[in-house]
Amino acid sequence: MAQKLKPTGRQKSIFLVHLVVFLIASALMLTLYDKGAKGWVYPWPAWIVAAWGLSLIGHWCAVYTSYEDKGHDDYRRQELNG
């Protein structure tokens, strides 16, 4: 059975930076997008926040739910021997 890989400190810190930048940018976009507008304004930041949020979920999965690939060494060896 494949072993679960522990994330390194660097992987965790890069994910944390990604999360903090996402939170700050999302807060700014959602608070500033309709300043000075009268009436209804299309909520364009919702698309950006949703897409970025999905990429953040993918980043979390890549860092915290990765498993070793036992066949990777065989693949690399076959790739080099062509």
N, C-alpha and C. Protein backbone atom coordinates (compact mmCIF):
# COMPACT_ATOMS: atom_id res chain seq x y z
N MET A 1 0.85 -1.18 0.00
CA MET A 1 0.00 0.00 0.00
C MET A 1 0.89 1.24 0.00
N ALA A 2 0.50 2.22 -0.75
CA ALA A 2 1.28 3.45 -0.86
C ALA A 2 1.26 4.22 0.46
N GLN A 3 2.40 4.79 0.80
CA GLN A 3 2.52 5.58 2.03
C GLN A 3 2.13 7.02 1.77
N LYS A 4 1.48 7.63 2.74
CA LYS A 4 1.13 9.04 2.63
C LYS A 4 2.39 9.86 2.86
N LEU A 5 2.61 10.86 2.01
CA LEU A 5 3.80 11.70 2.13
C LEU A 5 3.52 12.85 3.08
N LYS A 6 4.47 13.10 3.98
CA LYS A 6 4.34 14.25 4.88
C LYS A 6 4.80 15.50 4.15
N PRO A 7 4.03 16.59 4.24
CA PRO A 7 4.46 17.83 3.58
C PRO A 7 5.68 18.41 4.27
N THR A 8 6.56 18.99 3.48
CA THR A 8 7.75 19.63 4.03
C THR A 8 7.37 21.01 4.57
N GLY A 9 8.26 21.59 5.33
CA GLY A 9 8.03 22.94 5.85
C GLY A 9 7.90 23.96 4.74
N ARG A 10 8.68 23.79 3.68
CA ARG A 10 8.61 24.71 2.54
C ARG A 10 7.25 24.61 1.84
N GLN A 11 6.75 23.40 1.66
CA GLN A 11 5.44 23.23 1.04
C GLN A 11 4.34 23.88 1.88
N LYS A 12 4.44 23.69 3.19
CA LYS A 12 3.45 24.31 4.08
C LYS A 12 3.52 25.82 4.04
N SER A 13 4.73 26.38 4.02
CA SER A 13 4.86 27.83 4.02
C SER A 13 4.39 28.43 2.71
N ILE A 14 4.65 27.77 1.58
CA ILE A 14 4.17 28.27 0.30
C ILE A 14 2.65 28.23 0.26
N PHE A 15 2.05 27.16 0.80
CA PHE A 15 0.59 27.09 0.86
C PHE A 15 0.04 28.20 1.75
N LEU A 16 0.69 28.47 2.86
CA LEU A 16 0.23 29.52 3.76
C LEU A 16 0.30 30.89 3.08
N VAL A 17 1.35 31.15 2.34
CA VAL A 17 1.45 32.41 1.59
C VAL A 17 0.32 32.50 0.57
N HIS A 18 0.05 31.41 -0.13
CA HIS A 18 -1.05 31.36 -1.11
C HIS A 18 -2.38 31.69 -0.42
N LEU A 19 -2.61 31.10 0.75
CA LEU A 19 -3.85 31.34 1.49
C LEU A 19 -3.97 32.79 1.94
N VAL A 20 -2.91 33.36 2.48
CA VAL A 20 -2.95 34.74 2.97
C VAL A 20 -3.18 35.72 1.82
N VAL A 21 -2.48 35.53 0.71
CA VAL A 21 -2.67 36.41 -0.45
C VAL A 21 -4.10 36.28 -0.97
N PHE A 22 -4.63 35.06 -1.01
CA PHE A 22 -6.01 34.84 -1.44
C PHE A 22 -6.99 35.59 -0.54
N LEU A 23 -6.82 35.48 0.76
CA LEU A 23 -7.74 36.14 1.69
C LEU A 23 -7.68 37.66 1.58
N ILE A 24 -6.48 38.21 1.48
CA ILE A 24 -6.34 39.66 1.36
C ILE A 24 -6.92 40.16 0.03
N ALA A 25 -6.56 39.51 -1.06
CA ALA A 25 -7.05 39.93 -2.38
C ALA A 25 -8.56 39.79 -2.48
N SER A 26 -9.10 38.71 -1.95
CA SER A 26 -10.55 38.51 -1.99
C SER A 26 -11.28 39.58 -1.18
N ALA A 27 -10.77 39.86 0.00
CA ALA A 27 -11.39 40.89 0.82
C ALA A 27 -11.37 42.25 0.12
N LEU A 28 -10.24 42.59 -0.48
CA LEU A 28 -10.14 43.86 -1.21
C LEU A 28 -11.09 43.91 -2.41
N MET A 29 -11.11 42.86 -3.19
CA MET A 29 -11.98 42.84 -4.37
C MET A 29 -13.45 42.94 -3.97
N LEU A 30 -13.85 42.19 -2.96
CA LEU A 30 -15.26 42.16 -2.58
C LEU A 30 -15.71 43.45 -1.90
N THR A 31 -14.81 44.19 -1.30
CA THR A 31 -15.21 45.44 -0.66
C THR A 31 -15.11 46.64 -1.59
N LEU A 32 -14.26 46.56 -2.61
CA LEU A 32 -14.03 47.73 -3.47
C LEU A 32 -14.74 47.68 -4.82
N TYR A 33 -15.35 46.58 -5.19
CA TYR A 33 -15.83 46.46 -6.57
C TYR A 33 -17.00 47.37 -6.91
N ASP A 34 -17.80 47.79 -5.94
CA ASP A 34 -18.97 48.62 -6.28
C ASP A 34 -18.93 50.01 -5.65
N LYS A 35 -17.76 50.47 -5.32
CA LYS A 35 -17.64 51.80 -4.71
C LYS A 35 -18.08 52.88 -5.70
N GLY A 36 -18.97 53.72 -5.27
CA GLY A 36 -19.42 54.84 -6.08
C GLY A 36 -20.49 54.51 -7.09
N ALA A 37 -20.89 53.26 -7.19
CA ALA A 37 -21.91 52.87 -8.16
C ALA A 37 -23.30 53.11 -7.58
N LYS A 38 -24.21 53.49 -8.45
CA LYS A 38 -25.60 53.67 -8.03
C LYS A 38 -26.42 52.54 -8.63
N GLY A 39 -27.16 51.85 -7.81
CA GLY A 39 -27.95 50.72 -8.29
C GLY A 39 -27.17 49.42 -8.26
N TRP A 40 -27.71 48.45 -8.99
CA TRP A 40 -27.13 47.12 -9.00
C TRP A 40 -25.85 47.10 -9.83
N VAL A 41 -24.84 46.39 -9.32
CA VAL A 41 -23.56 46.24 -10.01
C VAL A 41 -23.27 44.75 -10.12
N TYR A 42 -22.85 44.33 -11.33
CA TYR A 42 -22.53 42.91 -11.52
C TYR A 42 -21.39 42.51 -10.60
N PRO A 43 -21.56 41.43 -9.84
CA PRO A 43 -20.52 41.01 -8.89
C PRO A 43 -19.37 40.26 -9.56
N TRP A 44 -18.58 40.95 -10.37
CA TRP A 44 -17.49 40.32 -11.11
C TRP A 44 -16.44 39.66 -10.23
N PRO A 45 -16.16 40.16 -9.02
CA PRO A 45 -15.13 39.49 -8.22
C PRO A 45 -15.52 38.07 -7.79
N ALA A 46 -16.80 37.75 -7.84
CA ALA A 46 -17.24 36.41 -7.43
C ALA A 46 -16.60 35.34 -8.31
N TRP A 47 -16.43 35.61 -9.61
CA TRP A 47 -15.81 34.64 -10.51
C TRP A 47 -14.34 34.44 -10.18
N ILE A 48 -13.66 35.51 -9.89
CA ILE A 48 -12.23 35.43 -9.56
C ILE A 48 -12.03 34.70 -8.23
N VAL A 49 -12.85 35.05 -7.25
CA VAL A 49 -12.75 34.41 -5.93
C VAL A 49 -13.06 32.92 -6.04
N ALA A 50 -14.08 32.56 -6.83
CA ALA A 50 -14.44 31.15 -6.99
C ALA A 50 -13.32 30.36 -7.67
N ALA A 51 -12.78 30.90 -8.76
CA ALA A 51 -11.70 30.20 -9.48
C ALA A 51 -10.45 30.09 -8.61
N TRP A 52 -10.10 31.16 -7.94
CA TRP A 52 -8.92 31.15 -7.08
C TRP A 52 -9.14 30.21 -5.90
N GLY A 53 -10.36 30.19 -5.38
CA GLY A 53 -10.68 29.28 -4.28
C GLY A 53 -10.52 27.82 -4.69
N LEU A 54 -10.96 27.49 -5.91
CA LEU A 54 -10.77 26.13 -6.41
C LEU A 54 -9.29 25.78 -6.55
N SER A 55 -8.50 26.73 -7.02
CA SER A 55 -7.07 26.46 -7.13
C SER A 55 -6.43 26.31 -5.75
N LEU A 56 -6.94 27.03 -4.77
CA LEU A 56 -6.45 26.91 -3.40
C LEU A 56 -6.79 25.53 -2.83
N ILE A 57 -7.98 25.03 -3.13
CA ILE A 57 -8.36 23.68 -2.70
C ILE A 57 -7.44 22.65 -3.35
N GLY A 58 -7.15 22.83 -4.63
CA GLY A 58 -6.22 21.92 -5.31
C GLY A 58 -4.83 21.97 -4.71
N HIS A 59 -4.38 23.16 -4.36
CA HIS A 59 -3.06 23.32 -3.73
C HIS A 59 -3.04 22.60 -2.39
N TRP A 60 -4.11 22.75 -1.60
CA TRP A 60 -4.19 22.06 -0.31
C TRP A 60 -4.13 20.54 -0.51
N CYS A 61 -4.88 20.04 -1.48
CA CYS A 61 -4.87 18.60 -1.76
C CYS A 61 -3.49 18.12 -2.16
N ALA A 62 -2.79 18.89 -2.99
CA ALA A 62 -1.46 18.50 -3.43
C ALA A 62 -0.47 18.46 -2.27
N VAL A 63 -0.64 19.35 -1.30
CA VAL A 63 0.29 19.41 -0.18
C VAL A 63 -0.05 18.37 0.89
N TYR A 64 -1.31 18.24 1.25
CA TYR A 64 -1.68 17.45 2.42
C TYR A 64 -2.26 16.06 2.12
N THR A 65 -2.53 15.72 0.88
CA THR A 65 -3.11 14.40 0.61
C THR A 65 -2.32 13.63 -0.44
N SER A 66 -1.02 13.86 -0.54
CA SER A 66 -0.19 13.19 -1.53
C SER A 66 0.29 11.83 -1.02
N TYR A 67 0.34 10.88 -1.93
CA TYR A 67 0.84 9.55 -1.62
C TYR A 67 2.03 9.24 -2.52
N GLU A 68 2.92 8.40 -2.05
CA GLU A 68 4.08 8.04 -2.84
C GLU A 68 3.66 7.24 -4.07
N ASP A 69 4.41 7.36 -5.12
CA ASP A 69 4.18 6.62 -6.35
C ASP A 69 5.31 5.62 -6.51
N LYS A 70 5.03 4.36 -6.19
CA LYS A 70 6.08 3.34 -6.22
C LYS A 70 6.59 3.08 -7.62
N GLY A 71 5.80 3.33 -8.64
CA GLY A 71 6.23 3.08 -10.00
C GLY A 71 6.98 4.24 -10.64
N HIS A 72 7.15 5.35 -9.92
CA HIS A 72 7.81 6.51 -10.49
C HIS A 72 9.26 6.23 -10.87
N ASP A 73 9.98 5.51 -10.02
CA ASP A 73 11.38 5.20 -10.33
C ASP A 73 11.48 4.34 -11.59
N ASP A 74 10.58 3.35 -11.72
CA ASP A 74 10.58 2.52 -12.92
C ASP A 74 10.27 3.36 -14.15
N TYR A 75 9.33 4.25 -14.03
CA TYR A 75 8.97 5.13 -15.15
C TYR A 75 10.16 5.99 -15.57
N ARG A 76 10.84 6.60 -14.63
CA ARG A 76 12.00 7.44 -14.94
C ARG A 76 13.10 6.61 -15.60
N ARG A 77 13.33 5.40 -15.10
CA ARG A 77 14.36 4.53 -15.67
C ARG A 77 14.01 4.16 -17.12
N GLN A 78 12.74 3.83 -17.37
CA GLN A 78 12.32 3.49 -18.73
C GLN A 78 12.39 4.71 -19.65
N GLU A 79 12.05 5.87 -19.10
CA GLU A 79 12.08 7.09 -19.89
C GLU A 79 13.52 7.42 -20.34
N LEU A 80 14.48 7.22 -19.44
CA LEU A 80 15.88 7.51 -19.76
C LEU A 80 16.47 6.49 -20.71
N ASN A 81 16.05 5.22 -20.59
CA ASN A 81 16.59 4.17 -21.45
C ASN A 81 15.90 4.11 -22.80
N GLY A 82 14.73 4.77 -22.90
CA GLY A 82 13.97 4.96 -24.12
C GLY A 82 13.84 3.80 -24.98
